[in-house]
Each structure stands twice: as C-alpha cells, then as structure tokens.
Amino acid sequence: MRWKAIFFILFLGNTSLAQQNDTYMLWTTVAVEGDVVKKSDWFFELNSRFGGSGLETFFPQVGIDYKVTKWFKPSLEYRFVIDKNQYGNYKVANRLNFNAKFKEEFDRLSLECRVRYQYAFDNRSSFDYDADFDQAFRFKPEIEYDINDFILTPKVSTEFFYNPSLGEEGRRFDKMRFAIGASFDLNNDHDISFKYQLDKRFHDYSRGVRHVLALSYQYSL
C-alpha cells in the first residue's frame, strides 16, 4: 500500500510538472498563390508565431510546385526566418524545403502524405537541436473528408520529425505533431482554415507539450 501511495504522488508530480512546462502559441498565415504554367503553381506566405513573449517567430516563404501526375506533386520552398532566442534577441535563418506530396481521393475521402527534407543555414547560434528550424526529414500523413452540404471540411494529420545529423541526438525521431482542424468551403478564390495542434518532443519530457491554434487565409489569383 505504501508503494502505491508513493507511485501516486510521483505520478501527480510529473503530471503537474508537464502541465507547468506546457506552452501555448497562436500561428497565423496569410498567403497568395497563382499559376506559373500549366500544372505548375507559385505561392507566397507571411507567417507569424505568437507566444508568451509576443511575436516569437516571423518568416516570409516563397515556393513553386509541379503536378507530375494526379497523385504526385513535388515542390521547392525558400523560407527566411526571424526567430527570437532564449535571451530575447531576434536571429535570422534561411531554410530550403524539398517536398514530395502524394494524394489519393476516394469519393469524398482524401488521403495525403507529404515527405519533406529541410535544410537550414542560419545565424541563430542555437546549440539545442530544434526540428522546426534545423535539418530534418518530416513525414506527414493527413486525412480529409468532404461532408455533403456542410460548410466545413474536417481534416486530421500527424507529423514525425527525424534528425539525420551525426552526434549524440542525431539519427533518431525527435518530435511528433498531431493536428485536427477544418477549412471553409467558400467556393471562390478565398480559402480560410484553422486547426488545433499538439507538438511533443520524444526525448525531452521536461518541456511538456506545445499547444497551437493556427489560422490561415489564402487568396488564389
């Protein structure tokens, strides 16, 4: 009985610590897209991430994709990142994303998987690996369902971050992301979507969970 009481106290203590270390953020995206040539599109985004210390990350991003087949679309993206470090100073970084998107539709059900390799070259002076900004492979499966005569199209996704670098923390999966959200079926050139997202690193449980509310607006030319 005594061991059960000790285990219960430790469990409550760890749960309380995780909740205290949880972080909460608001992400916003404003984007515009258009056609380059047949089967190829371009886009430009402005992304902001707000946390407990205000604007923590800001990055414009530009990209281009090409629809090879109905189910396969590769793309290339460049991102200029302005990120606030632990001392409250903003540092800049550059990142390239190489994406391969696979998509299959079954009536109203859509299955999608994005594979991304991101390469960062930066001046953030961070010694702690961060899968959001540093070199990583990312695998993101997603399910979307178009409900008949309903304004919202719900979607659920997970994403796994793999650190390919050498060293003590390299060659392993570093983080997982889970998201649930929806987009509005506006039937025009405007696209509005939202999601609730949970981020959790695998090997650093003292950090708790990052809770994110993400809002996105896109206009198609």
C-alpha atoms as a PDB file:
ATOM      1  CA  MET A   1       0.000   0.000   0.000  1.00  0.00           C
ATOM      2  CA  ARG A   2       2.875   2.322   0.838  1.00  0.00           C
ATOM      3  CA  TRP A   3       4.432   1.804  -2.634  1.00  0.00           C
ATOM      4  CA  LYS A   4       1.118   2.552  -4.286  1.00  0.00           C
ATOM      5  CA  ALA A   5       0.909   5.836  -2.380  1.00  0.00           C
ATOM      6  CA  ILE A   6       4.474   6.769  -3.403  1.00  0.00           C
ATOM      7  CA  PHE A   7       3.763   5.934  -7.054  1.00  0.00           C
ATOM      8  CA  PHE A   8       0.571   8.013  -6.958  1.00  0.00           C
ATOM      9  CA  ILE A   9       2.413  11.035  -5.539  1.00  0.00           C
ATOM     10  CA  LEU A  10       5.180  10.745  -8.139  1.00  0.00           C
ATOM     11  CA  PHE A  11       2.629  10.421 -10.955  1.00  0.00           C
ATOM     12  CA  LEU A  12       0.780  13.548  -9.829  1.00  0.00           C
ATOM     13  CA  GLY A  13       4.067  15.408  -9.502  1.00  0.00           C
ATOM     14  CA  ASN A  14       5.178  14.503 -13.036  1.00  0.00           C
ATOM     15  CA  THR A  15       1.766  15.404 -14.461  1.00  0.00           C
ATOM     16  CA  SER A  16       1.822  18.767 -12.686  1.00  0.00           C
ATOM     17  CA  LEU A  17       5.355  19.446 -13.956  1.00  0.00           C
ATOM     18  CA  ALA A  18       4.354  18.639 -17.550  1.00  0.00           C
ATOM     19  CA  GLN A  19       1.364  20.991 -17.309  1.00  0.00           C
ATOM     20  CA  GLN A  20       3.537  23.762 -15.878  1.00  0.00           C
ATOM     21  CA  ASN A  21       6.006  23.373 -18.742  1.00  0.00           C
ATOM     22  CA  ASP A  22       3.359  23.381 -21.466  1.00  0.00           C
ATOM     23  CA  THR A  23       3.495  26.305 -23.888  1.00  0.00           C
ATOM     24  CA  TYR A  24       0.697  27.971 -25.845  1.00  0.00           C
ATOM     25  CA  MET A  25       1.015  29.697 -29.205  1.00  0.00           C
ATOM     26  CA  LEU A  26      -1.020  31.361 -31.943  1.00  0.00           C
ATOM     27  CA  TRP A  27       0.166  30.858 -35.528  1.00  0.00           C
ATOM     28  CA  THR A  28      -1.158  32.957 -38.406  1.00  0.00           C
ATOM     29  CA  THR A  29      -0.585  32.608 -42.146  1.00  0.00           C
ATOM     30  CA  VAL A  30      -1.563  34.986 -44.951  1.00  0.00           C
ATOM     31  CA  ALA A  31      -0.829  33.653 -48.450  1.00  0.00           C
ATOM     32  CA  VAL A  32      -1.371  34.301 -52.138  1.00  0.00           C
ATOM     33  CA  GLU A  33      -0.958  31.803 -54.982  1.00  0.00           C
ATOM     34  CA  GLY A  34      -1.153  31.764 -58.764  1.00  0.00           C
ATOM     35  CA  ASP A  35      -0.288  29.818 -61.913  1.00  0.00           C
ATOM     36  CA  VAL A  36       3.162  29.778 -63.482  1.00  0.00           C
ATOM     37  CA  VAL A  37       2.482  27.485 -66.424  1.00  0.00           C
ATOM     38  CA  LYS A  38       0.174  24.538 -66.903  1.00  0.00           C
ATOM     39  CA  LYS A  39       0.397  22.141 -63.913  1.00  0.00           C
ATOM     40  CA  SER A  40       2.733  24.485 -62.034  1.00  0.00           C
ATOM     41  CA  ASP A  41       1.826  26.978 -59.280  1.00  0.00           C
ATOM     42  CA  TRP A  42       3.668  29.529 -57.171  1.00  0.00           C
ATOM     43  CA  PHE A  43       2.827  30.864 -53.720  1.00  0.00           C
ATOM     44  CA  PHE A  44       3.979  33.482 -51.232  1.00  0.00           C
ATOM     45  CA  GLU A  45       3.260  33.417 -47.490  1.00  0.00           C
ATOM     46  CA  LEU A  46       3.708  35.599 -44.418  1.00  0.00           C
ATOM     47  CA  ASN A  47       3.801  33.520 -41.242  1.00  0.00           C
ATOM     48  CA  SER A  48       3.738  34.780 -37.651  1.00  0.00           C
ATOM     49  CA  ARG A  49       4.032  32.788 -34.424  1.00  0.00           C
ATOM     50  CA  PHE A  50       2.954  34.426 -31.157  1.00  0.00           C
ATOM     51  CA  GLY A  51       3.786  33.025 -27.731  1.00  0.00           C
ATOM     52  CA  GLY A  52       4.144  34.136 -24.145  1.00  0.00           C
ATOM     53  CA  SER A  53       6.730  36.769 -25.092  1.00  0.00           C
ATOM     54  CA  GLY A  54       4.780  38.220 -28.025  1.00  0.00           C
ATOM     55  CA  LEU A  55       5.953  37.711 -31.590  1.00  0.00           C
ATOM     56  CA  GLU A  56       8.478  34.865 -31.323  1.00  0.00           C
ATOM     57  CA  THR A  57       8.923  33.873 -34.965  1.00  0.00           C
ATOM     58  CA  PHE A  58       8.210  35.560 -38.280  1.00  0.00           C
ATOM     59  CA  PHE A  59       9.008  34.176 -41.717  1.00  0.00           C
ATOM     60  CA  PRO A  60       8.078  35.030 -45.301  1.00  0.00           C
ATOM     61  CA  GLN A  61       8.117  31.998 -47.588  1.00  0.00           C
ATOM     62  CA  VAL A  62       8.002  31.556 -51.349  1.00  0.00           C
ATOM     63  CA  GLY A  63       7.625  28.316 -53.277  1.00  0.00           C
ATOM     64  CA  ILE A  64       6.747  26.572 -56.506  1.00  0.00           C
ATOM     65  CA  ASP A  65       5.209  23.158 -57.191  1.00  0.00           C
ATOM     66  CA  TYR A  66       4.575  20.968 -60.218  1.00  0.00           C
ATOM     67  CA  LYS A  67       1.794  18.421 -60.669  1.00  0.00           C
ATOM     68  CA  VAL A  68       3.567  15.416 -62.210  1.00  0.00           C
ATOM     69  CA  THR A  69       0.525  13.160 -62.018  1.00  0.00           C
ATOM     70  CA  LYS A  70      -2.900  13.288 -60.408  1.00  0.00           C
ATOM     71  CA  TRP A  71      -1.474  11.765 -57.226  1.00  0.00           C
ATOM     72  CA  PHE A  72       2.107  13.162 -57.096  1.00  0.00           C
ATOM     73  CA  LYS A  73       3.242  16.777 -56.725  1.00  0.00           C
ATOM     74  CA  PRO A  74       6.822  17.809 -55.801  1.00  0.00           C
ATOM     75  CA  SER A  75       7.637  21.330 -54.633  1.00  0.00           C
ATOM     76  CA  LEU A  76      10.508  23.582 -53.563  1.00  0.00           C
ATOM     77  CA  GLU A  77      10.239  26.314 -50.912  1.00  0.00           C
ATOM     78  CA  TYR A  78      12.531  29.004 -49.532  1.00  0.00           C
ATOM     79  CA  ARG A  79      11.943  30.452 -46.072  1.00  0.00           C
ATOM     80  CA  PHE A  80      13.610  33.479 -44.423  1.00  0.00           C
ATOM     81  CA  VAL A  81      13.197  33.061 -40.662  1.00  0.00           C
ATOM     82  CA  ILE A  82      13.409  35.721 -37.954  1.00  0.00           C
ATOM     83  CA  ASP A  83      13.336  33.865 -34.628  1.00  0.00           C
ATOM     84  CA  LYS A  84      13.608  35.107 -31.033  1.00  0.00           C
ATOM     85  CA  ASN A  85      16.169  33.191 -28.966  1.00  0.00           C
ATOM     86  CA  GLN A  86      16.109  32.468 -25.229  1.00  0.00           C
ATOM     87  CA  TYR A  87      17.736  35.842 -24.467  1.00  0.00           C
ATOM     88  CA  GLY A  88      15.007  37.802 -26.272  1.00  0.00           C
ATOM     89  CA  ASN A  89      17.154  38.665 -29.288  1.00  0.00           C
ATOM     90  CA  TYR A  90      15.992  38.076 -32.861  1.00  0.00           C
ATOM     91  CA  LYS A  91      18.251  35.934 -35.064  1.00  0.00           C
ATOM     92  CA  VAL A  92      17.869  35.216 -38.772  1.00  0.00           C
ATOM     93  CA  ALA A  93      17.954  31.897 -40.588  1.00  0.00           C
ATOM     94  CA  ASN A  94      17.485  30.600 -44.129  1.00  0.00           C
ATOM     95  CA  ARG A  95      15.804  27.315 -44.950  1.00  0.00           C
ATOM     96  CA  LEU A  96      15.050  25.259 -48.039  1.00  0.00           C
ATOM     97  CA  ASN A  97      12.225  22.719 -48.109  1.00  0.00           C
ATOM     98  CA  PHE A  98      12.157  19.887 -50.643  1.00  0.00           C
ATOM     99  CA  ASN A  99       8.689  18.313 -50.649  1.00  0.00           C
ATOM    100  CA  ALA A 100       7.062  15.296 -52.250  1.00  0.00           C
ATOM    101  CA  LYS A 101       3.277  15.191 -51.854  1.00  0.00           C
ATOM    102  CA  PHE A 102       1.229  12.071 -52.579  1.00  0.00           C
ATOM    103  CA  LYS A 103      -2.567  12.272 -52.708  1.00  0.00           C
ATOM    104  CA  GLU A 104      -5.381   9.846 -53.478  1.00  0.00           C
ATOM    105  CA  GLU A 105      -9.117  10.589 -53.444  1.00  0.00           C
ATOM    106  CA  PHE A 106     -11.969   8.139 -52.831  1.00  0.00           C
ATOM    107  CA  ASP A 107     -15.283   9.906 -53.438  1.00  0.00           C
ATOM    108  CA  ARG A 108     -15.390  12.399 -50.531  1.00  0.00           C
ATOM    109  CA  LEU A 109     -12.423  10.946 -48.656  1.00  0.00           C
ATOM    110  CA  SER A 110      -8.930  12.284 -49.382  1.00  0.00           C
ATOM    111  CA  LEU A 111      -5.690  10.630 -48.231  1.00  0.00           C
ATOM    112  CA  GLU A 112      -2.464  12.601 -48.423  1.00  0.00           C
ATOM    113  CA  CYS A 113       1.145  12.126 -47.373  1.00  0.00           C
ATOM    114  CA  ARG A 114       3.872  14.769 -47.540  1.00  0.00           C
ATOM    115  CA  VAL A 115       7.538  13.850 -47.267  1.00  0.00           C
ATOM    116  CA  ARG A 116       9.840  16.812 -46.612  1.00  0.00           C
ATOM    117  CA  TYR A 117      13.569  17.313 -46.337  1.00  0.00           C
ATOM    118  CA  GLN A 118      14.501  20.669 -44.858  1.00  0.00           C
ATOM    119  CA  TYR A 119      17.972  22.159 -44.934  1.00  0.00           C
ATOM    120  CA  ALA A 120      18.746  25.173 -42.769  1.00  0.00           C
ATOM    121  CA  PHE A 121      21.716  27.520 -42.853  1.00  0.00           C
ATOM    122  CA  ASP A 122      21.353  30.088 -40.124  1.00  0.00           C
ATOM    123  CA  ASN A 123      22.767  32.526 -37.610  1.00  0.00           C
ATOM    124  CA  ARG A 124      20.522  31.623 -34.670  1.00  0.00           C
ATOM    125  CA  SER A 125      23.519  30.465 -32.549  1.00  0.00           C
ATOM    126  CA  SER A 126      21.419  27.709 -31.007  1.00  0.00           C
ATOM    127  CA  PHE A 127      23.170  24.643 -29.616  1.00  0.00           C
ATOM    128  CA  ASP A 128      19.885  22.865 -28.940  1.00  0.00           C
ATOM    129  CA  TYR A 129      18.503  20.937 -31.916  1.00  0.00           C
ATOM    130  CA  ASP A 130      15.116  22.265 -32.986  1.00  0.00           C
ATOM    131  CA  ALA A 131      13.254  20.168 -35.555  1.00  0.00           C
ATOM    132  CA  ASP A 132      11.213  23.203 -36.643  1.00  0.00           C
ATOM    133  CA  PHE A 133      14.274  25.086 -37.871  1.00  0.00           C
ATOM    134  CA  ASP A 134      17.238  22.731 -38.237  1.00  0.00           C
ATOM    135  CA  GLN A 135      17.976  19.949 -40.709  1.00  0.00           C
ATOM    136  CA  ALA A 136      15.241  17.300 -40.657  1.00  0.00           C
ATOM    137  CA  PHE A 137      13.211  14.733 -42.545  1.00  0.00           C
ATOM    138  CA  ARG A 138       9.491  15.088 -41.958  1.00  0.00           C
ATOM    139  CA  PHE A 139       6.664  12.629 -42.696  1.00  0.00           C
ATOM    140  CA  LYS A 140       3.101  13.950 -42.608  1.00  0.00           C
ATOM    141  CA  PRO A 141       0.061  11.742 -43.361  1.00  0.00           C
ATOM    142  CA  GLU A 142      -3.309  13.521 -43.496  1.00  0.00           C
ATOM    143  CA  ILE A 143      -6.966  12.520 -43.849  1.00  0.00           C
ATOM    144  CA  GLU A 144      -9.640  14.915 -45.140  1.00  0.00           C
ATOM    145  CA  TYR A 145     -13.363  14.316 -45.572  1.00  0.00           C
ATOM    146  CA  ASP A 146     -15.748  16.486 -47.582  1.00  0.00           C
ATOM    147  CA  ILE A 147     -19.117  16.393 -45.799  1.00  0.00           C
ATOM    148  CA  ASN A 148     -22.062  16.795 -48.158  1.00  0.00           C
ATOM    149  CA  ASP A 149     -23.858  20.155 -47.865  1.00  0.00           C
ATOM    150  CA  PHE A 150     -21.657  21.298 -44.972  1.00  0.00           C
ATOM    151  CA  ILE A 151     -19.521  24.447 -44.965  1.00  0.00           C
ATOM    152  CA  LEU A 152     -16.590  22.831 -43.130  1.00  0.00           C
ATOM    153  CA  THR A 153     -14.230  20.166 -44.465  1.00  0.00           C
ATOM    154  CA  PRO A 154     -12.556  18.480 -41.461  1.00  0.00           C
ATOM    155  CA  LYS A 155      -9.034  17.082 -41.558  1.00  0.00           C
ATOM    156  CA  VAL A 156      -6.705  15.200 -39.216  1.00  0.00           C
ATOM    157  CA  SER A 157      -2.937  14.880 -39.555  1.00  0.00           C
ATOM    158  CA  THR A 158       0.159  13.636 -37.765  1.00  0.00           C
ATOM    159  CA  GLU A 159       3.767  14.534 -38.476  1.00  0.00           C
ATOM    160  CA  PHE A 160       7.034  12.882 -37.457  1.00  0.00           C
ATOM    161  CA  PHE A 161      10.376  14.731 -37.386  1.00  0.00           C
ATOM    162  CA  TYR A 162      13.599  12.771 -37.941  1.00  0.00           C
ATOM    163  CA  ASN A 163      17.008  14.253 -37.092  1.00  0.00           C
ATOM    164  CA  PRO A 164      19.524  12.968 -39.697  1.00  0.00           C
ATOM    165  CA  SER A 165      22.590  14.722 -38.275  1.00  0.00           C
ATOM    166  CA  LEU A 166      25.518  12.976 -36.622  1.00  0.00           C
ATOM    167  CA  GLY A 167      26.089  13.296 -32.901  1.00  0.00           C
ATOM    168  CA  GLU A 168      24.509  12.251 -29.633  1.00  0.00           C
ATOM    169  CA  GLU A 169      20.989  13.400 -30.538  1.00  0.00           C
ATOM    170  CA  GLY A 170      21.145  12.549 -34.253  1.00  0.00           C
ATOM    171  CA  ARG A 171      19.878   9.630 -36.323  1.00  0.00           C
ATOM    172  CA  ARG A 172      16.557   9.372 -34.484  1.00  0.00           C
ATOM    173  CA  PHE A 173      12.970  10.656 -34.478  1.00  0.00           C
ATOM    174  CA  ASP A 174      12.937  13.834 -32.421  1.00  0.00           C
ATOM    175  CA  LYS A 175       9.349  15.060 -32.359  1.00  0.00           C
ATOM    176  CA  MET A 176       5.744  14.264 -33.236  1.00  0.00           C
ATOM    177  CA  ARG A 177       2.940  16.662 -34.145  1.00  0.00           C
ATOM    178  CA  PHE A 178      -0.810  15.962 -34.101  1.00  0.00           C
ATOM    179  CA  ALA A 179      -3.383  18.339 -35.576  1.00  0.00           C
ATOM    180  CA  ILE A 180      -7.130  18.459 -36.084  1.00  0.00           C
ATOM    181  CA  GLY A 181      -8.899  21.220 -37.965  1.00  0.00           C
ATOM    182  CA  ALA A 182     -11.067  22.215 -40.910  1.00  0.00           C
ATOM    183  CA  SER A 183     -11.297  24.512 -43.904  1.00  0.00           C
ATOM    184  CA  PHE A 184     -14.295  26.549 -45.043  1.00  0.00           C
ATOM    185  CA  ASP A 185     -15.905  25.592 -48.358  1.00  0.00           C
ATOM    186  CA  LEU A 186     -16.355  29.101 -49.760  1.00  0.00           C
ATOM    187  CA  ASN A 187     -16.468  28.107 -53.462  1.00  0.00           C
ATOM    188  CA  ASN A 188     -14.424  31.130 -54.530  1.00  0.00           C
ATOM    189  CA  ASP A 189     -10.824  32.340 -54.640  1.00  0.00           C
ATOM    190  CA  HIS A 190     -10.586  32.697 -50.867  1.00  0.00           C
ATOM    191  CA  ASP A 191      -9.513  29.841 -48.572  1.00  0.00           C
ATOM    192  CA  ILE A 192      -9.785  30.046 -44.770  1.00  0.00           C
ATOM    193  CA  SER A 193      -8.744  27.237 -42.454  1.00  0.00           C
ATOM    194  CA  PHE A 194      -7.981  26.625 -38.791  1.00  0.00           C
ATOM    195  CA  LYS A 195      -6.528  23.841 -36.666  1.00  0.00           C
ATOM    196  CA  TYR A 196      -5.576  22.869 -33.136  1.00  0.00           C
ATOM    197  CA  GLN A 197      -2.140  21.301 -32.896  1.00  0.00           C
ATOM    198  CA  LEU A 198      -0.079  19.467 -30.284  1.00  0.00           C
ATOM    199  CA  ASP A 199       3.732  19.270 -30.511  1.00  0.00           C
ATOM    200  CA  LYS A 200       5.773  16.921 -28.336  1.00  0.00           C
ATOM    201  CA  ARG A 201       9.486  16.094 -28.355  1.00  0.00           C
ATOM    202  CA  PHE A 202      10.275  12.430 -27.727  1.00  0.00           C
ATOM    203  CA  HIS A 203      13.476  12.673 -25.694  1.00  0.00           C
ATOM    204  CA  ASP A 204      12.867  15.757 -23.546  1.00  0.00           C
ATOM    205  CA  TYR A 205       9.745  15.195 -21.472  1.00  0.00           C
ATOM    206  CA  SER A 206      10.502  18.081 -19.102  1.00  0.00           C
ATOM    207  CA  ARG A 207       9.434  20.536 -21.836  1.00  0.00           C
ATOM    208  CA  GLY A 208       5.832  19.452 -21.751  1.00  0.00           C
ATOM    209  CA  VAL A 209       3.543  19.917 -24.758  1.00  0.00           C
ATOM    210  CA  ARG A 210       3.232  22.861 -27.118  1.00  0.00           C
ATOM    211  CA  HIS A 211      -0.415  23.776 -27.816  1.00  0.00           C
ATOM    212  CA  VAL A 212      -1.007  25.719 -31.025  1.00  0.00           C
ATOM    213  CA  LEU A 213      -4.043  27.407 -32.508  1.00  0.00           C
ATOM    214  CA  ALA A 214      -3.312  28.044 -36.205  1.00  0.00           C
ATOM    215  CA  LEU A 215      -5.333  30.330 -38.510  1.00  0.00           C
ATOM    216  CA  SER A 216      -4.725  30.575 -42.256  1.00  0.00           C
ATOM    217  CA  TYR A 217      -6.015  32.718 -45.113  1.00  0.00           C
ATOM    218  CA  GLN A 218      -5.090  32.216 -48.789  1.00  0.00           C
ATOM    219  CA  TYR A 219      -6.118  34.070 -51.916  1.00  0.00           C
ATOM    220  CA  SER A 220      -5.838  32.486 -55.377  1.00  0.00           C
ATOM    221  CA  LEU A 221      -5.132  34.779 -58.324  1.00  0.00           C
END
